[in-house]
């Protein structure tokens, strides 16, 4: 199954159709890594014209750092970081209620060959045009890391 086939809903509850390539990131509003929203927005502005989607996935599983309602999350992202890329409804990325999107994504190994559970907020997964995961970047890898841009460029050229 392709990641692109997984049913998703936007933050406001409307059906959301994901197209590849896409950088999928579990996000949180009250995390030390929250400033990564700025870099994600920059990636969105740089690559959206080429057809790349940056997709934020709010998740409250790590330190309860995304406790807000959909409206609160949307307002925070727009006013604090100018986020204009799509956000899904709040999802579980690990555990018994892990969303099917993450059932597919967590099988992707990182650069060290490790797959499995999402470690923390702002873990990034790149999927290609066919919706197949092709790269995984752990939370400490910031959106401006050249490896992310290189992976996106590679996905665009396939």
N, C-alpha and C. Protein backbone atom coordinates (compact mmCIF):
# COMPACT_ATOMS: atom_id res chain seq x y z
N UNK A 1 0.83 -1.19 0.00
CA UNK A 1 0.00 0.00 0.00
C UNK A 1 0.88 1.25 0.00
N UNK A 2 0.46 2.24 -0.73
CA UNK A 2 1.16 3.51 -0.81
C UNK A 2 0.69 4.44 0.31
N UNK A 3 1.59 5.25 0.81
CA UNK A 3 1.23 6.28 1.79
C UNK A 3 0.14 7.19 1.21
N UNK A 4 0.17 7.40 -0.09
CA UNK A 4 -0.79 8.29 -0.73
C UNK A 4 -2.21 7.73 -0.71
N UNK A 5 -2.35 6.43 -0.45
CA UNK A 5 -3.66 5.79 -0.40
C UNK A 5 -4.30 5.84 0.99
N UNK A 6 -3.57 6.27 1.98
CA UNK A 6 -4.08 6.29 3.36
C UNK A 6 -5.04 7.47 3.51
N UNK A 7 -6.26 7.21 3.95
CA UNK A 7 -7.22 8.31 4.16
C UNK A 7 -6.74 9.24 5.28
N UNK A 8 -6.77 10.53 4.99
CA UNK A 8 -6.37 11.55 5.96
C UNK A 8 -7.44 12.63 6.03
N UNK A 9 -7.45 13.32 7.14
CA UNK A 9 -8.33 14.47 7.31
C UNK A 9 -7.47 15.66 7.71
N UNK A 10 -7.86 16.81 7.19
CA UNK A 10 -7.15 18.05 7.53
C UNK A 10 -7.49 18.45 8.96
N UNK A 11 -6.81 19.44 9.45
CA UNK A 11 -7.02 19.93 10.80
C UNK A 11 -8.47 20.33 11.04
N UNK A 12 -9.14 20.81 10.00
CA UNK A 12 -10.56 21.19 10.16
C UNK A 12 -11.52 20.02 9.93
N UNK A 13 -10.98 18.82 9.70
CA UNK A 13 -11.82 17.63 9.55
C UNK A 13 -12.21 17.27 8.13
N UNK A 14 -11.83 18.09 7.17
CA UNK A 14 -12.16 17.80 5.77
C UNK A 14 -11.22 16.72 5.23
N UNK A 15 -11.68 15.93 4.26
CA UNK A 15 -10.78 14.95 3.64
C UNK A 15 -9.56 15.65 3.06
N UNK A 16 -8.41 15.01 3.20
CA UNK A 16 -7.15 15.58 2.74
C UNK A 16 -6.50 14.58 1.80
N UNK A 17 -6.22 15.00 0.59
CA UNK A 17 -5.58 14.14 -0.40
C UNK A 17 -4.10 14.47 -0.46
N UNK A 18 -3.26 13.52 -0.09
CA UNK A 18 -1.82 13.71 -0.12
C UNK A 18 -1.28 13.26 -1.47
N UNK A 19 -0.38 14.06 -2.01
CA UNK A 19 0.31 13.71 -3.24
C UNK A 19 1.80 13.76 -2.98
N UNK A 20 2.55 12.94 -3.72
CA UNK A 20 3.99 12.89 -3.53
C UNK A 20 4.71 13.71 -4.56
N UNK A 21 5.93 14.01 -4.32
CA UNK A 21 6.69 13.78 -3.10
C UNK A 21 6.14 14.59 -1.94
N UNK A 22 6.37 14.07 -0.73
CA UNK A 22 5.88 14.76 0.47
C UNK A 22 6.84 14.54 1.62
N UNK A 23 7.01 15.59 2.41
CA UNK A 23 7.77 15.52 3.65
C UNK A 23 6.74 15.56 4.77
N UNK A 24 6.62 14.46 5.49
CA UNK A 24 5.60 14.30 6.53
C UNK A 24 6.29 14.42 7.89
N UNK A 25 5.77 15.32 8.73
CA UNK A 25 6.43 15.64 10.00
C UNK A 25 5.41 15.68 11.12
N UNK A 26 5.65 14.89 12.18
CA UNK A 26 4.78 15.01 13.36
C UNK A 26 5.21 16.26 14.13
N UNK A 27 4.24 17.12 14.43
CA UNK A 27 4.53 18.44 14.97
C UNK A 27 3.85 18.65 16.32
N UNK A 28 4.34 19.64 17.07
CA UNK A 28 3.77 20.01 18.36
C UNK A 28 4.04 21.48 18.63
N UNK A 29 3.09 22.12 19.26
CA UNK A 29 3.17 23.57 19.49
C UNK A 29 4.00 23.97 20.70
N UNK A 30 4.17 23.06 21.66
CA UNK A 30 4.84 23.42 22.91
C UNK A 30 6.05 22.54 23.17
N UNK A 31 6.92 22.46 22.19
CA UNK A 31 8.10 21.60 22.24
C UNK A 31 9.33 22.48 22.02
N UNK A 32 10.45 22.06 22.55
CA UNK A 32 11.68 22.78 22.29
C UNK A 32 12.06 22.82 20.82
N UNK A 33 11.51 21.88 20.05
CA UNK A 33 11.79 21.83 18.61
C UNK A 33 10.75 22.58 17.77
N UNK A 34 9.76 23.18 18.41
CA UNK A 34 8.70 23.88 17.69
C UNK A 34 9.22 24.93 16.72
N UNK A 35 10.33 25.63 17.01
CA UNK A 35 10.86 26.59 16.02
C UNK A 35 11.18 25.95 14.66
N UNK A 36 11.21 24.62 14.57
CA UNK A 36 11.41 23.98 13.27
C UNK A 36 10.27 24.30 12.30
N UNK A 37 9.14 24.77 12.81
CA UNK A 37 8.06 25.20 11.92
C UNK A 37 8.57 26.21 10.90
N UNK A 38 9.46 27.10 11.34
CA UNK A 38 10.00 28.13 10.44
C UNK A 38 10.72 27.49 9.26
N UNK A 39 11.56 26.51 9.53
CA UNK A 39 12.28 25.83 8.46
C UNK A 39 11.37 24.99 7.59
N UNK A 40 10.35 24.38 8.18
CA UNK A 40 9.38 23.62 7.39
C UNK A 40 8.63 24.54 6.44
N UNK A 41 8.26 25.73 6.93
CA UNK A 41 7.59 26.70 6.06
C UNK A 41 8.52 27.12 4.92
N UNK A 42 9.80 27.30 5.21
CA UNK A 42 10.76 27.66 4.15
C UNK A 42 10.86 26.54 3.11
N UNK A 43 10.88 25.28 3.56
CA UNK A 43 10.88 24.16 2.60
C UNK A 43 9.62 24.17 1.77
N UNK A 44 8.49 24.43 2.41
CA UNK A 44 7.22 24.50 1.68
C UNK A 44 7.28 25.57 0.59
N UNK A 45 7.76 26.74 0.95
CA UNK A 45 7.83 27.83 -0.03
C UNK A 45 8.80 27.51 -1.16
N UNK A 46 9.88 26.84 -0.84
CA UNK A 46 10.89 26.50 -1.84
C UNK A 46 10.41 25.41 -2.80
N UNK A 47 9.74 24.38 -2.25
CA UNK A 47 9.46 23.19 -3.06
C UNK A 47 8.01 23.01 -3.50
N UNK A 48 7.07 23.74 -2.92
CA UNK A 48 5.68 23.59 -3.34
C UNK A 48 5.50 23.85 -4.84
N UNK A 49 6.18 24.86 -5.42
CA UNK A 49 6.02 25.06 -6.86
C UNK A 49 6.46 23.86 -7.70
N UNK A 50 7.30 22.99 -7.15
CA UNK A 50 7.74 21.79 -7.85
C UNK A 50 6.85 20.59 -7.56
N UNK A 51 5.82 20.80 -6.73
CA UNK A 51 4.88 19.72 -6.44
C UNK A 51 5.14 18.97 -5.16
N UNK A 52 6.08 19.44 -4.33
CA UNK A 52 6.37 18.78 -3.05
C UNK A 52 5.42 19.32 -1.99
N UNK A 53 4.86 18.40 -1.21
CA UNK A 53 4.00 18.78 -0.10
C UNK A 53 4.77 18.63 1.21
N UNK A 54 4.74 19.65 2.04
CA UNK A 54 5.15 19.53 3.43
C UNK A 54 3.84 19.32 4.18
N UNK A 55 3.77 18.25 4.96
CA UNK A 55 2.55 17.93 5.70
C UNK A 55 2.86 17.85 7.18
N UNK A 56 2.21 18.69 7.96
CA UNK A 56 2.36 18.65 9.41
C UNK A 56 1.30 17.75 10.02
N UNK A 57 1.74 16.91 10.96
CA UNK A 57 0.83 15.97 11.62
C UNK A 57 0.88 16.26 13.12
N UNK A 58 -0.06 17.06 13.63
CA UNK A 58 -0.08 17.32 15.07
C UNK A 58 -0.23 16.02 15.87
N UNK A 59 0.57 15.93 16.94
CA UNK A 59 0.58 14.72 17.77
C UNK A 59 0.81 15.14 19.21
N UNK A 60 0.02 14.58 20.12
CA UNK A 60 0.12 14.93 21.53
C UNK A 60 0.74 13.81 22.36
N UNK A 61 1.47 12.90 21.73
CA UNK A 61 2.00 11.73 22.42
C UNK A 61 3.33 11.94 23.12
N UNK A 62 3.98 13.04 22.88
CA UNK A 62 5.31 13.26 23.46
C UNK A 62 5.23 14.42 24.44
N UNK A 63 5.15 14.10 25.71
CA UNK A 63 5.12 15.13 26.74
C UNK A 63 3.88 16.00 26.70
N UNK A 64 2.80 15.52 26.07
CA UNK A 64 1.54 16.29 25.95
C UNK A 64 1.83 17.71 25.44
N UNK A 65 2.68 17.80 24.41
CA UNK A 65 3.11 19.10 23.90
C UNK A 65 2.27 19.63 22.74
N UNK A 66 1.16 18.93 22.45
CA UNK A 66 0.19 19.43 21.46
C UNK A 66 -1.22 19.23 22.03
N UNK A 67 -1.53 19.94 23.12
CA UNK A 67 -2.80 19.71 23.80
C UNK A 67 -4.00 20.44 23.20
N UNK A 68 -3.76 21.38 22.30
CA UNK A 68 -4.81 22.28 21.85
C UNK A 68 -5.85 21.65 20.94
N UNK A 69 -6.91 22.42 20.74
CA UNK A 69 -7.95 22.06 19.78
C UNK A 69 -7.43 22.35 18.38
N UNK A 70 -8.17 21.90 17.40
CA UNK A 70 -7.80 22.17 16.00
C UNK A 70 -7.67 23.67 15.76
N UNK A 71 -8.62 24.46 16.25
CA UNK A 71 -8.56 25.91 16.05
C UNK A 71 -7.35 26.53 16.74
N UNK A 72 -7.03 26.06 17.94
CA UNK A 72 -5.88 26.58 18.66
C UNK A 72 -4.57 26.24 17.94
N UNK A 73 -4.48 25.03 17.43
CA UNK A 73 -3.28 24.62 16.69
C UNK A 73 -3.13 25.46 15.43
N UNK A 74 -4.21 25.60 14.68
CA UNK A 74 -4.18 26.38 13.44
C UNK A 74 -3.77 27.83 13.71
N UNK A 75 -4.38 28.44 14.70
CA UNK A 75 -4.07 29.83 15.04
C UNK A 75 -2.61 29.97 15.46
N UNK A 76 -2.14 29.07 16.31
CA UNK A 76 -0.75 29.11 16.75
C UNK A 76 0.20 29.02 15.56
N UNK A 77 -0.01 28.05 14.69
CA UNK A 77 0.89 27.83 13.55
C UNK A 77 0.91 29.03 12.60
N UNK A 78 -0.26 29.57 12.33
CA UNK A 78 -0.35 30.70 11.40
C UNK A 78 0.24 31.98 11.99
N UNK A 79 -0.09 32.27 13.25
CA UNK A 79 0.35 33.54 13.83
C UNK A 79 1.79 33.50 14.31
N UNK A 80 2.25 32.36 14.79
CA UNK A 80 3.61 32.28 15.33
C UNK A 80 4.66 32.01 14.26
N UNK A 81 4.29 31.24 13.23
CA UNK A 81 5.29 30.81 12.24
C UNK A 81 4.86 31.01 10.80
N UNK A 82 3.69 31.59 10.57
CA UNK A 82 3.23 31.84 9.20
C UNK A 82 3.02 30.56 8.41
N UNK A 83 2.67 29.48 9.08
CA UNK A 83 2.50 28.19 8.42
C UNK A 83 1.35 28.23 7.41
N UNK A 84 1.66 27.86 6.19
CA UNK A 84 0.62 27.77 5.15
C UNK A 84 0.56 26.38 4.53
N UNK A 85 1.45 25.47 4.97
CA UNK A 85 1.38 24.11 4.46
C UNK A 85 0.26 23.37 5.20
N UNK A 86 -0.24 22.27 4.62
CA UNK A 86 -1.37 21.57 5.24
C UNK A 86 -0.99 20.87 6.54
N UNK A 87 -1.99 20.81 7.42
CA UNK A 87 -1.87 20.09 8.68
C UNK A 87 -3.02 19.08 8.75
N UNK A 88 -2.72 17.90 9.26
CA UNK A 88 -3.76 16.90 9.45
C UNK A 88 -4.44 17.14 10.79
N UNK A 89 -5.50 16.36 11.02
CA UNK A 89 -6.06 16.31 12.35
C UNK A 89 -5.02 15.69 13.27
N UNK A 90 -5.19 15.84 14.57
CA UNK A 90 -4.25 15.28 15.53
C UNK A 90 -4.28 13.76 15.42
N UNK A 91 -3.08 13.13 15.32
CA UNK A 91 -2.96 11.69 15.15
C UNK A 91 -2.01 11.09 16.17
N UNK A 92 -2.18 9.79 16.42
CA UNK A 92 -1.19 9.03 17.17
C UNK A 92 -0.19 8.46 16.18
N UNK A 93 1.10 8.61 16.49
CA UNK A 93 2.15 8.11 15.61
C UNK A 93 2.79 6.83 16.14
N UNK A 94 2.54 6.53 17.40
CA UNK A 94 3.06 5.33 18.05
C UNK A 94 1.94 4.66 18.83
N UNK A 95 2.20 3.43 19.26
CA UNK A 95 1.31 2.77 20.19
C UNK A 95 0.13 2.06 19.56
N UNK A 96 -0.75 1.65 20.45
CA UNK A 96 -1.91 0.83 20.08
C UNK A 96 -2.83 1.50 19.07
N UNK A 97 -2.92 2.83 19.12
CA UNK A 97 -3.81 3.56 18.23
C UNK A 97 -3.05 4.30 17.12
N UNK A 98 -1.87 3.79 16.80
CA UNK A 98 -1.06 4.41 15.74
C UNK A 98 -1.90 4.49 14.45
N UNK A 99 -1.88 5.66 13.83
CA UNK A 99 -2.61 5.88 12.59
C UNK A 99 -2.00 5.04 11.47
N UNK A 100 -2.82 4.55 10.53
CA UNK A 100 -2.29 3.75 9.41
C UNK A 100 -1.17 4.44 8.63
N UNK A 101 -1.19 5.76 8.55
CA UNK A 101 -0.10 6.48 7.88
C UNK A 101 1.23 6.13 8.53
N UNK A 102 1.25 6.15 9.84
CA UNK A 102 2.49 5.87 10.56
C UNK A 102 2.80 4.38 10.64
N UNK A 103 1.81 3.54 10.48
CA UNK A 103 2.08 2.10 10.37
C UNK A 103 3.02 1.86 9.18
N UNK A 104 2.79 2.60 8.11
CA UNK A 104 3.64 2.48 6.92
C UNK A 104 4.98 3.21 7.10
N UNK A 105 4.94 4.40 7.68
CA UNK A 105 6.15 5.21 7.76
C UNK A 105 7.21 4.64 8.70
N UNK A 106 6.80 4.09 9.84
CA UNK A 106 7.80 3.68 10.84
C UNK A 106 8.63 2.47 10.42
N UNK A 107 8.27 1.85 9.33
CA UNK A 107 9.11 0.75 8.82
C UNK A 107 10.32 1.28 8.07
N UNK A 108 10.36 2.58 7.82
CA UNK A 108 11.44 3.22 7.09
C UNK A 108 12.64 3.42 8.02
N UNK A 109 13.82 2.94 7.62
CA UNK A 109 15.00 3.16 8.46
C UNK A 109 15.55 4.58 8.29
N UNK A 110 16.20 5.05 9.34
CA UNK A 110 16.89 6.33 9.26
C UNK A 110 18.26 6.11 8.63
N UNK A 111 19.11 7.12 8.63
CA UNK A 111 20.43 7.03 7.99
C UNK A 111 21.33 5.98 8.64
N UNK A 112 21.04 5.64 9.88
CA UNK A 112 21.85 4.63 10.58
C UNK A 112 21.24 3.23 10.46
N UNK A 113 20.14 3.13 9.71
CA UNK A 113 19.51 1.83 9.49
C UNK A 113 18.48 1.44 10.53
N UNK A 114 18.12 2.37 11.41
CA UNK A 114 17.16 2.08 12.47
C UNK A 114 15.75 2.48 12.06
N UNK A 115 14.83 1.54 12.15
CA UNK A 115 13.41 1.80 11.91
C UNK A 115 12.69 1.73 13.26
N UNK A 116 11.39 1.72 13.24
CA UNK A 116 10.62 1.58 14.47
C UNK A 116 9.94 2.86 14.89
N UNK A 117 9.50 2.88 16.13
CA UNK A 117 8.70 3.99 16.65
C UNK A 117 9.33 5.36 16.39
N UNK A 118 8.45 6.34 16.25
CA UNK A 118 8.86 7.73 16.17
C UNK A 118 9.46 8.09 17.54
N UNK A 119 10.60 8.77 17.52
CA UNK A 119 11.31 9.07 18.77
C UNK A 119 10.75 10.27 19.52
N UNK A 120 10.32 11.30 18.79
CA UNK A 120 9.88 12.54 19.42
C UNK A 120 9.20 13.39 18.38
N UNK A 121 8.75 14.59 18.79
CA UNK A 121 8.15 15.54 17.85
C UNK A 121 9.16 15.93 16.77
N UNK A 122 8.66 16.25 15.60
CA UNK A 122 9.43 16.75 14.46
C UNK A 122 10.32 15.69 13.82
N UNK A 123 9.89 14.44 13.86
CA UNK A 123 10.55 13.41 13.06
C UNK A 123 10.00 13.54 11.65
N UNK A 124 10.87 13.41 10.66
CA UNK A 124 10.51 13.71 9.27
C UNK A 124 10.65 12.47 8.39
N UNK A 125 9.65 12.25 7.54
CA UNK A 125 9.66 11.15 6.58
C UNK A 125 9.42 11.74 5.19
N UNK A 126 10.24 11.32 4.24
CA UNK A 126 10.07 11.75 2.86
C UNK A 126 9.51 10.58 2.06
N UNK A 127 8.43 10.85 1.33
CA UNK A 127 7.88 9.84 0.42
C UNK A 127 8.02 10.34 -1.00
N UNK A 128 8.21 9.39 -1.92
CA UNK A 128 8.40 9.76 -3.32
C UNK A 128 7.06 9.98 -4.02
N UNK A 129 7.11 10.20 -5.32
CA UNK A 129 5.90 10.48 -6.10
C UNK A 129 4.89 9.34 -6.03
N UNK A 130 5.37 8.12 -5.81
CA UNK A 130 4.50 6.96 -5.74
C UNK A 130 4.01 6.68 -4.31
N UNK A 131 4.41 7.52 -3.38
CA UNK A 131 3.98 7.35 -2.00
C UNK A 131 4.77 6.33 -1.22
N UNK A 132 5.97 6.02 -1.70
CA UNK A 132 6.84 5.08 -0.99
C UNK A 132 7.83 5.86 -0.14
N UNK A 133 7.94 5.52 1.14
CA UNK A 133 8.92 6.21 2.00
C UNK A 133 10.34 5.96 1.49
N UNK A 134 11.10 7.05 1.36
CA UNK A 134 12.47 6.93 0.83
C UNK A 134 13.53 7.49 1.78
N UNK A 135 13.12 8.23 2.81
CA UNK A 135 14.09 8.78 3.75
C UNK A 135 13.40 9.09 5.07
N UNK A 136 14.21 9.02 6.12
CA UNK A 136 13.72 9.32 7.47
C UNK A 136 14.77 10.16 8.18
N UNK A 137 14.32 11.24 8.78
CA UNK A 137 15.21 12.14 9.50
C UNK A 137 14.69 12.29 10.92
N UNK A 138 15.54 12.02 11.88
CA UNK A 138 15.16 12.08 13.29
C UNK A 138 14.92 13.53 13.72
N UNK A 139 14.27 13.73 14.87
CA UNK A 139 13.85 15.07 15.28
C UNK A 139 14.94 16.14 15.32
N UNK A 140 16.14 15.77 15.72
CA UNK A 140 17.21 16.77 15.82
C UNK A 140 17.70 17.26 14.46
N UNK A 141 17.35 16.58 13.39
CA UNK A 141 17.73 17.03 12.05
C UNK A 141 16.80 18.17 11.67
N UNK A 142 17.34 19.35 11.55
CA UNK A 142 16.51 20.52 11.28
C UNK A 142 16.14 20.60 9.80
N UNK A 143 15.03 21.27 9.50
CA UNK A 143 14.59 21.35 8.11
C UNK A 143 15.59 21.99 7.16
N UNK A 144 16.52 22.81 7.68
CA UNK A 144 17.51 23.43 6.80
C UNK A 144 18.75 22.57 6.60
N UNK A 145 18.75 21.37 7.14
CA UNK A 145 19.88 20.45 6.96
C UNK A 145 19.99 20.11 5.46
N UNK A 146 21.16 20.23 4.88
CA UNK A 146 21.33 19.96 3.45
C UNK A 146 20.91 18.54 3.04
N UNK A 147 20.95 17.60 3.95
CA UNK A 147 20.54 16.23 3.61
C UNK A 147 19.06 16.15 3.27
N UNK A 148 18.26 16.99 3.91
CA UNK A 148 16.82 17.00 3.60
C UNK A 148 16.60 17.55 2.21
N UNK A 149 17.22 18.68 1.90
CA UNK A 149 17.09 19.26 0.56
C UNK A 149 17.59 18.28 -0.50
N UNK A 150 18.70 17.61 -0.23
CA UNK A 150 19.24 16.64 -1.20
C UNK A 150 18.26 15.48 -1.42
N UNK A 151 17.64 15.01 -0.35
CA UNK A 151 16.68 13.91 -0.48
C UNK A 151 15.44 14.36 -1.26
N UNK A 152 14.99 15.58 -1.00
CA UNK A 152 13.84 16.10 -1.75
C UNK A 152 14.18 16.25 -3.23
N UNK A 153 15.36 16.81 -3.51
CA UNK A 153 15.80 16.95 -4.91
C UNK A 153 15.86 15.59 -5.60
N UNK A 154 16.40 14.60 -4.90
CA UNK A 154 16.47 13.26 -5.47
C UNK A 154 15.09 12.70 -5.75
N UNK A 155 14.15 12.91 -4.84
CA UNK A 155 12.78 12.42 -5.06
C UNK A 155 12.12 13.12 -6.23
N UNK A 156 12.44 14.39 -6.43
CA UNK A 156 11.89 15.13 -7.56
C UNK A 156 12.45 14.64 -8.90
N UNK A 157 13.67 14.16 -8.88
CA UNK A 157 14.34 13.76 -10.13
C UNK A 157 14.11 12.31 -10.51
N UNK A 158 13.32 11.59 -9.75
CA UNK A 158 13.03 10.19 -10.08
C UNK A 158 11.77 10.06 -10.86
